[in-house]
Amino acid sequence: MRQGPKGGWLILLSLLLAFMLSAIPLPEMLQWGRPEWVAMALIYWVMALPERVGVKTAWICGLLLDLLQSSPLGANAIGLTVVAYLTTLLHQRLRNFPLIQQSFVVLMLIGILQMVRHWLQQWQGGAAESLIFMLPSLISALLWPWWFVVHRDLRRIFVS
């Protein structure tokens, strides 16, 4: 039996918070280490509620993130869609992993996102010369346990 729109506002609020955190200006030296907030929100919601949040949501969020970051239209959309698809494939396993193991999977998923973006930037001729572009995946993985616990507790209170 399918649930109604119960808790849909929480998903939207979570994604909105992720977009706001992605838009906060940071000093130049901290820009490379900005966590992938939108990707982390999508990974969580695809893992927790794959019947409600999936590839279409990732595509829309990616296009909005492209507009927000003034990046080439479709760069984030392609990356987030790949991440959402892989998370959908793994969601039943991910739910059972301990937080440390989930963090490693998040490291890999966001690493894939970073590599897709890097590849697209390289294709356009504006890519970084070092592996510093992978730093957000490491920072996001370190923040994942906190992000997961907060979202899980909110979902248990308001959605289930």
N, C-alpha and C. Protein backbone atom coordinates (compact mmCIF):
# COMPACT_ATOMS: atom_id res chain seq x y z
N MET A 1 0.84 -1.19 0.00
CA MET A 1 0.00 0.00 0.00
C MET A 1 0.88 1.24 0.00
N ARG A 2 0.66 2.13 -0.92
CA ARG A 2 1.48 3.34 -1.06
C ARG A 2 1.03 4.40 -0.06
N GLN A 3 2.04 5.02 0.55
CA GLN A 3 1.75 6.11 1.48
C GLN A 3 1.40 7.37 0.68
N GLY A 4 0.71 8.26 1.32
CA GLY A 4 0.40 9.54 0.71
C GLY A 4 1.61 10.45 0.77
N PRO A 5 1.40 11.75 0.65
CA PRO A 5 2.51 12.69 0.65
C PRO A 5 3.09 12.95 2.04
N LYS A 6 2.76 12.09 3.00
CA LYS A 6 3.24 12.27 4.36
C LYS A 6 4.77 12.36 4.39
N GLY A 7 5.27 13.44 4.95
CA GLY A 7 6.70 13.61 5.08
C GLY A 7 7.38 14.19 3.86
N GLY A 8 6.63 14.44 2.80
CA GLY A 8 7.24 15.02 1.60
C GLY A 8 7.86 16.37 1.87
N TRP A 9 7.27 17.10 2.79
CA TRP A 9 7.81 18.40 3.16
C TRP A 9 9.20 18.25 3.81
N LEU A 10 9.43 17.15 4.53
CA LEU A 10 10.73 16.93 5.16
C LEU A 10 11.81 16.69 4.10
N ILE A 11 11.47 15.94 3.08
CA ILE A 11 12.41 15.69 1.99
C ILE A 11 12.76 17.01 1.31
N LEU A 12 11.74 17.81 1.00
CA LEU A 12 11.98 19.11 0.35
C LEU A 12 12.79 20.04 1.24
N LEU A 13 12.47 20.05 2.52
CA LEU A 13 13.20 20.90 3.46
C LEU A 13 14.67 20.47 3.56
N SER A 14 14.90 19.18 3.57
CA SER A 14 16.27 18.65 3.62
C SER A 14 17.05 19.04 2.37
N LEU A 15 16.42 18.90 1.21
CA LEU A 15 17.10 19.28 -0.04
C LEU A 15 17.32 20.80 -0.10
N LEU A 16 16.35 21.57 0.38
CA LEU A 16 16.51 23.02 0.42
C LEU A 16 17.68 23.41 1.32
N LEU A 17 17.78 22.78 2.49
CA LEU A 17 18.91 23.03 3.39
C LEU A 17 20.24 22.68 2.70
N ALA A 18 20.25 21.58 1.98
CA ALA A 18 21.47 21.17 1.27
C ALA A 18 21.85 22.20 0.21
N PHE A 19 20.86 22.73 -0.51
CA PHE A 19 21.14 23.77 -1.50
C PHE A 19 21.65 25.04 -0.83
N MET A 20 21.07 25.40 0.31
CA MET A 20 21.53 26.59 1.02
C MET A 20 22.96 26.42 1.52
N LEU A 21 23.28 25.24 2.05
CA LEU A 21 24.65 24.99 2.50
C LEU A 21 25.63 25.01 1.34
N SER A 22 25.16 24.60 0.16
CA SER A 22 26.02 24.63 -1.02
C SER A 22 26.26 26.04 -1.54
N ALA A 23 25.36 26.95 -1.20
CA ALA A 23 25.45 28.33 -1.70
C ALA A 23 26.19 29.27 -0.76
N ILE A 24 26.47 28.83 0.45
CA ILE A 24 27.16 29.70 1.41
C ILE A 24 28.56 30.02 0.87
N PRO A 25 28.88 31.31 0.80
CA PRO A 25 30.22 31.68 0.31
C PRO A 25 31.31 31.24 1.30
N LEU A 26 32.38 30.71 0.77
CA LEU A 26 33.52 30.30 1.59
C LEU A 26 34.76 31.02 1.10
N PRO A 27 35.75 31.19 1.98
CA PRO A 27 37.02 31.75 1.52
C PRO A 27 37.63 30.85 0.44
N GLU A 28 38.45 31.46 -0.40
CA GLU A 28 39.05 30.75 -1.54
C GLU A 28 39.76 29.46 -1.12
N MET A 29 40.49 29.49 -0.02
CA MET A 29 41.26 28.30 0.38
C MET A 29 40.35 27.17 0.89
N LEU A 30 39.12 27.47 1.27
CA LEU A 30 38.20 26.43 1.75
C LEU A 30 37.25 25.93 0.66
N GLN A 31 37.23 26.60 -0.49
CA GLN A 31 36.33 26.20 -1.57
C GLN A 31 36.54 24.75 -2.01
N TRP A 32 37.79 24.32 -2.06
CA TRP A 32 38.09 22.96 -2.53
C TRP A 32 37.57 21.90 -1.57
N GLY A 33 37.37 22.26 -0.31
CA GLY A 33 36.94 21.28 0.68
C GLY A 33 35.45 21.32 1.01
N ARG A 34 34.67 22.04 0.21
CA ARG A 34 33.23 22.15 0.48
C ARG A 34 32.57 20.78 0.35
N PRO A 35 31.87 20.34 1.40
CA PRO A 35 31.17 19.04 1.31
C PRO A 35 30.09 19.08 0.23
N GLU A 36 29.77 17.94 -0.29
CA GLU A 36 28.73 17.81 -1.32
C GLU A 36 27.38 17.59 -0.62
N TRP A 37 26.81 18.69 -0.12
CA TRP A 37 25.59 18.61 0.67
C TRP A 37 24.41 18.04 -0.11
N VAL A 38 24.24 18.49 -1.34
CA VAL A 38 23.10 18.01 -2.14
C VAL A 38 23.26 16.52 -2.43
N ALA A 39 24.45 16.10 -2.76
CA ALA A 39 24.69 14.67 -3.02
C ALA A 39 24.44 13.84 -1.76
N MET A 40 24.87 14.35 -0.61
CA MET A 40 24.64 13.61 0.63
C MET A 40 23.15 13.50 0.93
N ALA A 41 22.40 14.58 0.71
CA ALA A 41 20.94 14.53 0.94
C ALA A 41 20.30 13.53 -0.01
N LEU A 42 20.69 13.56 -1.27
CA LEU A 42 20.12 12.62 -2.24
C LEU A 42 20.48 11.18 -1.89
N ILE A 43 21.71 10.94 -1.51
CA ILE A 43 22.11 9.58 -1.14
C ILE A 43 21.26 9.09 0.02
N TYR A 44 21.08 9.95 1.02
CA TYR A 44 20.28 9.52 2.17
C TYR A 44 18.85 9.19 1.75
N TRP A 45 18.20 10.11 1.03
CA TRP A 45 16.79 9.91 0.71
C TRP A 45 16.57 8.78 -0.29
N VAL A 46 17.50 8.59 -1.22
CA VAL A 46 17.37 7.46 -2.14
C VAL A 46 17.54 6.15 -1.37
N MET A 47 18.46 6.14 -0.43
CA MET A 47 18.68 4.95 0.38
C MET A 47 17.48 4.67 1.29
N ALA A 48 16.91 5.71 1.89
CA ALA A 48 15.83 5.53 2.86
C ALA A 48 14.47 5.34 2.20
N LEU A 49 14.19 6.10 1.16
CA LEU A 49 12.88 6.06 0.51
C LEU A 49 13.04 6.01 -1.01
N PRO A 50 13.54 4.90 -1.54
CA PRO A 50 13.80 4.84 -2.99
C PRO A 50 12.53 4.90 -3.84
N GLU A 51 11.39 4.62 -3.25
CA GLU A 51 10.15 4.70 -4.01
C GLU A 51 9.68 6.14 -4.18
N ARG A 52 10.25 7.07 -3.41
CA ARG A 52 9.84 8.47 -3.48
C ARG A 52 10.91 9.39 -4.03
N VAL A 53 12.17 9.05 -3.82
CA VAL A 53 13.27 9.88 -4.28
C VAL A 53 14.18 8.99 -5.12
N GLY A 54 14.45 9.42 -6.34
CA GLY A 54 15.25 8.58 -7.22
C GLY A 54 15.98 9.39 -8.27
N VAL A 55 16.11 8.79 -9.42
CA VAL A 55 16.90 9.36 -10.51
C VAL A 55 16.28 10.66 -11.02
N LYS A 56 14.96 10.73 -11.11
CA LYS A 56 14.31 11.96 -11.59
C LYS A 56 14.57 13.12 -10.63
N THR A 57 14.47 12.84 -9.35
CA THR A 57 14.75 13.87 -8.35
C THR A 57 16.20 14.33 -8.45
N ALA A 58 17.11 13.37 -8.65
CA ALA A 58 18.53 13.70 -8.78
C ALA A 58 18.78 14.57 -10.01
N TRP A 59 18.11 14.26 -11.11
CA TRP A 59 18.27 15.05 -12.33
C TRP A 59 17.81 16.49 -12.11
N ILE A 60 16.66 16.65 -11.48
CA ILE A 60 16.13 18.00 -11.21
C ILE A 60 17.05 18.75 -10.25
N CYS A 61 17.49 18.08 -9.19
CA CYS A 61 18.41 18.72 -8.24
C CYS A 61 19.72 19.09 -8.91
N GLY A 62 20.19 18.25 -9.81
CA GLY A 62 21.42 18.53 -10.53
C GLY A 62 21.30 19.76 -11.42
N LEU A 63 20.16 19.88 -12.11
CA LEU A 63 19.95 21.07 -12.94
C LEU A 63 19.87 22.33 -12.08
N LEU A 64 19.18 22.24 -10.94
CA LEU A 64 19.11 23.39 -10.03
C LEU A 64 20.49 23.74 -9.48
N LEU A 65 21.28 22.73 -9.17
CA LEU A 65 22.64 22.97 -8.67
C LEU A 65 23.52 23.58 -9.77
N ASP A 66 23.32 23.17 -11.00
CA ASP A 66 24.04 23.81 -12.12
C ASP A 66 23.73 25.29 -12.19
N LEU A 67 22.46 25.63 -12.03
CA LEU A 67 22.06 27.04 -12.06
C LEU A 67 22.62 27.79 -10.87
N LEU A 68 22.59 27.17 -9.70
CA LEU A 68 23.07 27.79 -8.48
C LEU A 68 24.58 28.06 -8.54
N GLN A 69 25.33 27.12 -9.10
CA GLN A 69 26.79 27.23 -9.13
C GLN A 69 27.31 27.82 -10.44
N SER A 70 26.41 28.17 -11.34
CA SER A 70 26.80 28.70 -12.65
C SER A 70 27.74 27.75 -13.39
N SER A 71 27.51 26.48 -13.22
CA SER A 71 28.31 25.49 -13.95
C SER A 71 27.60 25.13 -15.25
N PRO A 72 28.29 24.49 -16.18
CA PRO A 72 27.63 24.13 -17.44
C PRO A 72 26.37 23.30 -17.18
N LEU A 73 25.30 23.66 -17.84
CA LEU A 73 24.02 23.00 -17.63
C LEU A 73 24.12 21.51 -17.94
N GLY A 74 23.84 20.70 -16.93
CA GLY A 74 23.88 19.26 -17.09
C GLY A 74 25.04 18.59 -16.39
N ALA A 75 26.07 19.34 -16.01
CA ALA A 75 27.25 18.73 -15.38
C ALA A 75 26.89 18.09 -14.04
N ASN A 76 26.25 18.83 -13.18
CA ASN A 76 25.82 18.26 -11.89
C ASN A 76 24.66 17.29 -12.08
N ALA A 77 23.82 17.56 -13.07
CA ALA A 77 22.67 16.69 -13.31
C ALA A 77 23.13 15.29 -13.69
N ILE A 78 24.12 15.19 -14.56
CA ILE A 78 24.63 13.87 -14.96
C ILE A 78 25.27 13.17 -13.77
N GLY A 79 26.11 13.89 -13.03
CA GLY A 79 26.79 13.29 -11.88
C GLY A 79 25.83 12.83 -10.80
N LEU A 80 24.87 13.67 -10.44
CA LEU A 80 23.92 13.30 -9.39
C LEU A 80 22.99 12.17 -9.84
N THR A 81 22.68 12.13 -11.13
CA THR A 81 21.86 11.04 -11.65
C THR A 81 22.60 9.71 -11.54
N VAL A 82 23.88 9.71 -11.86
CA VAL A 82 24.69 8.49 -11.72
C VAL A 82 24.74 8.06 -10.26
N VAL A 83 24.96 9.01 -9.36
CA VAL A 83 25.01 8.70 -7.93
C VAL A 83 23.68 8.14 -7.45
N ALA A 84 22.57 8.75 -7.87
CA ALA A 84 21.25 8.26 -7.45
C ALA A 84 20.98 6.86 -8.00
N TYR A 85 21.39 6.62 -9.24
CA TYR A 85 21.19 5.29 -9.83
C TYR A 85 21.98 4.23 -9.07
N LEU A 86 23.25 4.54 -8.78
CA LEU A 86 24.07 3.57 -8.04
C LEU A 86 23.54 3.36 -6.62
N THR A 87 23.06 4.42 -6.00
CA THR A 87 22.48 4.30 -4.66
C THR A 87 21.22 3.46 -4.70
N THR A 88 20.42 3.63 -5.75
CA THR A 88 19.21 2.81 -5.90
C THR A 88 19.58 1.33 -6.01
N LEU A 89 20.63 1.04 -6.75
CA LEU A 89 21.06 -0.35 -6.88
C LEU A 89 21.54 -0.94 -5.56
N LEU A 90 22.14 -0.08 -4.72
CA LEU A 90 22.75 -0.55 -3.48
C LEU A 90 21.91 -0.29 -2.23
N HIS A 91 20.72 0.31 -2.36
CA HIS A 91 20.03 0.82 -1.18
C HIS A 91 19.72 -0.25 -0.14
N GLN A 92 19.39 -1.46 -0.53
CA GLN A 92 19.07 -2.49 0.47
C GLN A 92 20.32 -2.90 1.25
N ARG A 93 21.44 -2.96 0.59
CA ARG A 93 22.69 -3.28 1.30
C ARG A 93 23.12 -2.12 2.18
N LEU A 94 23.04 -0.90 1.63
CA LEU A 94 23.49 0.28 2.38
C LEU A 94 22.74 0.44 3.70
N ARG A 95 21.47 0.12 3.70
CA ARG A 95 20.68 0.25 4.93
C ARG A 95 21.23 -0.62 6.05
N ASN A 96 21.81 -1.75 5.70
CA ASN A 96 22.30 -2.69 6.70
C ASN A 96 23.76 -2.48 7.08
N PHE A 97 24.47 -1.64 6.34
CA PHE A 97 25.87 -1.39 6.65
C PHE A 97 26.00 -0.55 7.91
N PRO A 98 27.03 -0.78 8.70
CA PRO A 98 27.32 0.15 9.81
C PRO A 98 27.74 1.52 9.24
N LEU A 99 27.66 2.54 10.07
CA LEU A 99 27.93 3.91 9.60
C LEU A 99 29.31 4.08 8.99
N ILE A 100 30.30 3.38 9.53
CA ILE A 100 31.66 3.50 8.98
C ILE A 100 31.70 2.96 7.56
N GLN A 101 31.06 1.84 7.34
CA GLN A 101 31.03 1.25 6.01
C GLN A 101 30.19 2.11 5.05
N GLN A 102 29.10 2.67 5.55
CA GLN A 102 28.32 3.60 4.73
C GLN A 102 29.17 4.80 4.33
N SER A 103 30.01 5.27 5.24
CA SER A 103 30.88 6.41 4.93
C SER A 103 31.83 6.08 3.79
N PHE A 104 32.35 4.87 3.76
CA PHE A 104 33.23 4.47 2.66
C PHE A 104 32.46 4.42 1.34
N VAL A 105 31.23 3.96 1.38
CA VAL A 105 30.41 3.94 0.16
C VAL A 105 30.11 5.37 -0.29
N VAL A 106 29.81 6.26 0.66
CA VAL A 106 29.58 7.67 0.34
C VAL A 106 30.84 8.28 -0.26
N LEU A 107 32.00 7.93 0.28
CA LEU A 107 33.27 8.40 -0.27
C LEU A 107 33.38 7.99 -1.74
N MET A 108 33.03 6.76 -2.05
CA MET A 108 33.12 6.30 -3.43
C MET A 108 32.06 6.94 -4.33
N LEU A 109 30.82 7.05 -3.84
CA LEU A 109 29.76 7.63 -4.65
C LEU A 109 30.05 9.10 -4.97
N ILE A 110 30.45 9.84 -3.96
CA ILE A 110 30.75 11.26 -4.20
C ILE A 110 32.05 11.40 -4.99
N GLY A 111 32.96 10.45 -4.83
CA GLY A 111 34.15 10.42 -5.67
C GLY A 111 33.79 10.24 -7.14
N ILE A 112 32.81 9.38 -7.40
CA ILE A 112 32.32 9.21 -8.78
C ILE A 112 31.73 10.51 -9.30
N LEU A 113 30.93 11.18 -8.46
CA LEU A 113 30.37 12.48 -8.83
C LEU A 113 31.48 13.46 -9.18
N GLN A 114 32.51 13.52 -8.35
CA GLN A 114 33.62 14.44 -8.59
C GLN A 114 34.36 14.09 -9.88
N MET A 115 34.53 12.80 -10.14
CA MET A 115 35.22 12.40 -11.37
C MET A 115 34.40 12.72 -12.62
N VAL A 116 33.08 12.56 -12.54
CA VAL A 116 32.23 12.92 -13.68
C VAL A 116 32.35 14.41 -13.95
N ARG A 117 32.27 15.22 -12.89
CA ARG A 117 32.42 16.67 -13.06
C ARG A 117 33.79 17.02 -13.63
N HIS A 118 34.82 16.38 -13.08
CA HIS A 118 36.19 16.65 -13.54
C HIS A 118 36.34 16.28 -15.02
N TRP A 119 35.77 15.15 -15.39
CA TRP A 119 35.85 14.72 -16.78
C TRP A 119 35.16 15.74 -17.69
N LEU A 120 33.99 16.23 -17.27
CA LEU A 120 33.27 17.21 -18.08
C LEU A 120 34.04 18.54 -18.14
N GLN A 121 34.67 18.94 -17.04
CA GLN A 121 35.47 20.16 -17.04
C GLN A 121 36.70 19.99 -17.93
N GLN A 122 37.30 18.81 -17.87
CA GLN A 122 38.47 18.53 -18.70
C GLN A 122 38.09 18.57 -20.18
N TRP A 123 36.92 18.08 -20.48
CA TRP A 123 36.42 18.08 -21.84
C TRP A 123 36.26 19.51 -22.36
N GLN A 124 35.93 20.42 -21.44
CA GLN A 124 35.78 21.83 -21.80
C GLN A 124 37.08 22.61 -21.66
N GLY A 125 38.11 21.99 -21.11
CA GLY A 125 39.41 22.63 -21.01
C GLY A 125 39.66 23.41 -19.74
N GLY A 126 38.91 23.17 -18.66
CA GLY A 126 39.11 23.95 -17.44
C GLY A 126 39.23 23.10 -16.19
N ALA A 127 39.91 21.98 -16.25
CA ALA A 127 39.99 21.07 -15.11
C ALA A 127 41.22 21.35 -14.25
N ALA A 128 41.15 20.92 -12.99
CA ALA A 128 42.27 21.06 -12.06
C ALA A 128 43.39 20.10 -12.46
N GLU A 129 44.61 20.49 -12.14
CA GLU A 129 45.77 19.68 -12.50
C GLU A 129 46.10 18.61 -11.47
N SER A 130 45.59 18.73 -10.25
CA SER A 130 45.91 17.77 -9.20
C SER A 130 44.65 17.04 -8.76
N LEU A 131 44.80 16.18 -7.76
CA LEU A 131 43.67 15.43 -7.24
C LEU A 131 42.91 16.16 -6.13
N ILE A 132 43.18 17.46 -5.97
CA ILE A 132 42.50 18.24 -4.93
C ILE A 132 40.99 18.26 -5.16
N PHE A 133 40.56 18.05 -6.40
CA PHE A 133 39.12 18.05 -6.69
C PHE A 133 38.39 16.91 -5.98
N MET A 134 39.12 15.92 -5.47
CA MET A 134 38.51 14.79 -4.77
C MET A 134 38.31 15.07 -3.27
N LEU A 135 38.82 16.17 -2.77
CA LEU A 135 38.71 16.50 -1.35
C LEU A 135 37.27 16.56 -0.84
N PRO A 136 36.31 17.11 -1.58
CA PRO A 136 34.93 17.12 -1.08
C PRO A 136 34.37 15.72 -0.80
N SER A 137 34.80 14.73 -1.53
CA SER A 137 34.30 13.37 -1.27
C SER A 137 34.81 12.87 0.09
N LEU A 138 36.03 13.19 0.43
CA LEU A 138 36.57 12.79 1.74
C LEU A 138 35.86 13.53 2.87
N ILE A 139 35.67 14.82 2.72
CA ILE A 139 35.00 15.61 3.76
C ILE A 139 33.55 15.16 3.92
N SER A 140 32.89 14.89 2.81
CA SER A 140 31.50 14.42 2.87
C SER A 140 31.41 13.07 3.58
N ALA A 141 32.36 12.20 3.32
CA ALA A 141 32.38 10.88 3.98
C ALA A 141 32.61 11.03 5.48
N LEU A 142 33.43 11.99 5.88
CA LEU A 142 33.67 12.22 7.30
C LEU A 142 32.43 12.79 7.99
N LEU A 143 31.65 13.58 7.26
CA LEU A 143 30.43 14.16 7.83
C LEU A 143 29.23 13.22 7.74
N TRP A 144 29.33 12.15 6.96
CA TRP A 144 28.20 11.27 6.72
C TRP A 144 27.55 10.71 7.99
N PRO A 145 28.31 10.19 8.97
CA PRO A 145 27.63 9.63 10.15
C PRO A 145 26.71 10.64 10.84
N TRP A 146 27.18 11.86 10.99
CA TRP A 146 26.35 12.90 11.61
C TRP A 146 25.13 13.19 10.75
N TRP A 147 25.33 13.36 9.45
CA TRP A 147 24.25 13.66 8.50
C TRP A 147 23.20 12.55 8.52
N PHE A 148 23.67 11.30 8.51
CA PHE A 148 22.78 10.14 8.49
C PHE A 148 21.93 10.08 9.76
N VAL A 149 22.55 10.24 10.92
CA VAL A 149 21.84 10.12 12.20
C VAL A 149 20.77 11.21 12.33
N VAL A 150 21.11 12.43 11.98
CA VAL A 150 20.14 13.53 12.06
C VAL A 150 18.96 13.26 11.12
N HIS A 151 19.24 12.89 9.88
CA HIS A 151 18.17 12.62 8.91
C HIS A 151 17.33 11.40 9.31
N ARG A 152 17.99 10.36 9.80
CA ARG A 152 17.25 9.16 10.21
C ARG A 152 16.29 9.48 11.34
N ASP A 153 16.77 10.23 12.33
CA ASP A 153 15.91 10.58 13.46
C ASP A 153 14.74 11.45 13.03
N LEU A 154 14.99 12.43 12.15
CA LEU A 154 13.90 13.27 11.65
C LEU A 154 12.90 12.44 10.84
N ARG A 155 13.41 11.52 10.02
CA ARG A 155 12.51 10.69 9.21
C ARG A 155 11.66 9.80 10.11
N ARG A 156 12.24 9.26 11.15
CA ARG A 156 11.47 8.40 12.06
C ARG A 156 10.38 9.18 12.78
N ILE A 157 10.64 10.43 13.09
CA ILE A 157 9.65 11.24 13.79
C ILE A 157 8.54 11.68 12.87
N PHE A 158 8.92 12.18 11.66
CA PHE A 158 7.92 12.83 10.82
C PHE A 158 7.38 12.00 9.66
N VAL A 159 8.09 10.99 9.20
CA VAL A 159 7.66 10.25 8.02
C VAL A 159 7.06 8.91 8.40
N SER A 160 7.71 8.16 9.21
CA SER A 160 7.23 6.80 9.51
C SER A 160 6.30 6.77 10.69
